[in-house]
Amino acid sequence: MQIGEVAERTGLSLRTIRYYEEVGLVVPSARSQGGFRLYIEPDVERLLLIKRMKPLGFQLDEMRELLAILDPLPDDAPLDDPAARLKQYSATAEQACEELRAKLRVAEEFAALLHTQLITHRRQTGSALPQSP
């Protein structure tokens, strides 16, 4: 499949997919005669794996190392004690998730406050109540 379909399936932009190729995180499985990148299902799965790492704050080098553990390519050098590295990354991911949950709680509290203020304002001014989204 071509890069446009991959972008649609993964929710990543063309620019992001090209960037991940440029930095060596993903490599298209082939090129068409016209030079277009061609991807197969394992390439898409690898991109989805990278996409899952991004919100947790993993840096490019960490992503490379995680990919070498979780989805190794034939050219990847073997890692020393991958289980220990995976344990460290797992702890890092859990910590990042907790931080994201805390931010989400704060954001939800603020959204609820805004909604309450809107209802109060509309009642005081006699405006119609807004429709819930």
Protein backbone atom coordinates (compact mmCIF):
# COMPACT_ATOMS: atom_id res chain seq x y z
CA MET A 1 0.00 0.00 0.00
CA GLN A 2 1.12 3.54 -0.65
CA ILE A 3 1.90 6.15 1.97
CA GLY A 4 -1.49 7.87 1.67
CA GLU A 5 -3.35 4.73 2.66
CA VAL A 6 -0.89 4.11 5.48
CA ALA A 7 -1.46 7.65 6.74
CA GLU A 8 -5.20 7.10 6.66
CA ARG A 9 -4.97 3.78 8.48
CA THR A 10 -2.58 5.00 11.17
CA GLY A 11 -3.86 8.53 11.67
CA LEU A 12 -0.34 9.84 11.07
CA SER A 13 0.43 12.60 8.60
CA LEU A 14 2.45 11.95 5.45
CA ARG A 15 5.11 14.25 6.85
CA THR A 16 5.32 12.26 10.10
CA ILE A 17 5.62 8.94 8.27
CA ARG A 18 8.36 10.35 6.05
CA TYR A 19 10.13 11.75 9.12
CA TYR A 20 10.01 8.36 10.84
CA GLU A 21 11.56 6.88 7.71
CA GLU A 22 14.21 9.61 7.60
CA VAL A 23 15.29 8.92 11.20
CA GLY A 24 15.25 5.16 10.66
CA LEU A 25 12.28 4.13 12.80
CA VAL A 26 10.41 2.60 9.88
CA VAL A 27 11.49 1.60 6.40
CA PRO A 28 9.01 0.96 3.59
CA SER A 29 9.19 -2.64 2.47
CA ALA A 30 9.58 -1.67 -1.16
CA ARG A 31 9.42 1.12 -3.73
CA SER A 32 7.29 1.14 -6.84
CA GLN A 33 8.85 1.55 -10.27
CA GLY A 34 7.94 5.22 -9.98
CA GLY A 35 9.78 5.52 -6.67
CA PHE A 36 6.70 5.58 -4.42
CA ARG A 37 7.05 4.10 -0.96
CA LEU A 38 5.22 0.80 -0.60
CA TYR A 39 4.24 -0.56 2.79
CA ILE A 40 2.95 -3.92 3.96
CA GLU A 41 0.97 -4.80 7.08
CA PRO A 42 4.02 -5.25 9.37
CA ASP A 43 5.15 -1.71 8.41
CA VAL A 44 1.74 -0.36 9.41
CA GLU A 45 1.89 -2.26 12.71
CA ARG A 46 5.34 -0.81 13.38
CA LEU A 47 4.03 2.72 12.74
CA LEU A 48 1.13 2.09 15.12
CA LEU A 49 3.62 0.93 17.74
CA ILE A 50 5.61 4.14 17.28
CA LYS A 51 2.39 6.16 17.50
CA ARG A 52 1.65 4.57 20.88
CA MET A 53 5.08 5.58 22.19
CA LYS A 54 4.82 9.24 21.23
CA PRO A 55 2.24 10.44 23.82
CA LEU A 56 4.31 8.83 26.56
CA GLY A 57 7.23 11.10 25.75
CA PHE A 58 9.69 8.53 24.46
CA GLN A 59 12.60 10.09 22.57
CA LEU A 60 13.85 8.83 19.20
CA ASP A 61 16.71 6.81 20.70
CA GLU A 62 14.35 5.22 23.20
CA MET A 63 11.90 4.43 20.42
CA ARG A 64 14.68 2.78 18.42
CA GLU A 65 15.68 0.66 21.37
CA LEU A 66 12.08 -0.29 22.15
CA LEU A 67 11.49 -1.22 18.52
CA ALA A 68 14.64 -3.36 18.59
CA ILE A 69 13.08 -5.24 21.52
CA LEU A 70 9.43 -5.33 20.47
CA ASP A 71 9.70 -5.45 16.67
CA PRO A 72 13.30 -6.21 15.71
CA LEU A 73 14.43 -5.83 12.13
CA PRO A 74 17.08 -8.10 10.59
CA ASP A 75 19.68 -5.29 10.69
CA ASP A 76 19.11 -4.44 14.38
CA ALA A 77 22.04 -5.11 16.68
CA PRO A 78 21.22 -7.37 19.63
CA LEU A 79 20.72 -5.55 22.92
CA ASP A 80 22.33 -6.36 26.23
CA ASP A 81 19.68 -7.66 28.64
CA PRO A 82 16.53 -6.70 26.71
CA ALA A 83 14.32 -7.92 29.57
CA ALA A 84 15.87 -5.42 31.98
CA ARG A 85 15.52 -2.61 29.44
CA LEU A 86 11.90 -3.58 28.82
CA LYS A 87 11.25 -3.49 32.57
CA GLN A 88 12.68 0.05 32.75
CA TYR A 89 10.63 1.20 29.76
CA SER A 90 7.52 -0.36 31.26
CA ALA A 91 8.02 1.61 34.47
CA THR A 92 8.61 4.79 32.46
CA ALA A 93 5.43 4.18 30.46
CA GLU A 94 3.39 3.58 33.63
CA GLN A 95 4.69 6.81 35.16
CA ALA A 96 3.88 8.75 31.98
CA CYS A 97 0.36 7.27 31.93
CA GLU A 98 -0.23 8.34 35.53
CA GLU A 99 0.94 11.87 34.68
CA LEU A 100 -1.41 11.94 31.68
CA ARG A 101 -4.31 10.70 33.84
CA ALA A 102 -3.61 13.48 36.35
CA LYS A 103 -3.60 16.09 33.57
CA LEU A 104 -6.84 14.67 32.20
CA ARG A 105 -8.49 14.89 35.64
CA VAL A 106 -7.53 18.56 35.87
CA ALA A 107 -8.77 19.21 32.33
CA GLU A 108 -12.08 17.45 33.02
CA GLU A 109 -12.56 19.46 36.22
CA PHE A 110 -12.01 22.67 34.29
CA ALA A 111 -14.39 21.62 31.50
CA ALA A 112 -17.05 20.83 34.13
CA LEU A 113 -16.48 24.22 35.74
CA LEU A 114 -16.94 25.96 32.40
CA HIS A 115 -20.12 24.01 31.73
CA THR A 116 -21.50 24.92 35.17
CA GLN A 117 -20.63 28.58 34.65
CA LEU A 118 -22.32 28.57 31.25
CA ILE A 119 -25.53 27.12 32.69
CA THR A 120 -25.46 29.64 35.56
CA HIS A 121 -24.89 32.53 33.16
CA ARG A 122 -27.72 31.46 30.87
CA ARG A 123 -30.12 31.07 33.80
CA GLN A 124 -29.23 34.52 35.11
CA THR A 125 -29.62 36.15 31.71
CA GLY A 126 -32.65 34.16 30.62
CA SER A 127 -30.85 32.70 27.61
CA ALA A 128 -31.77 29.25 26.40
CA LEU A 129 -29.70 26.45 27.82
CA PRO A 130 -27.08 25.08 25.43
CA GLN A 131 -27.52 21.69 23.86
CA SER A 132 -25.18 19.05 25.23
CA PRO A 133 -22.51 17.93 22.74
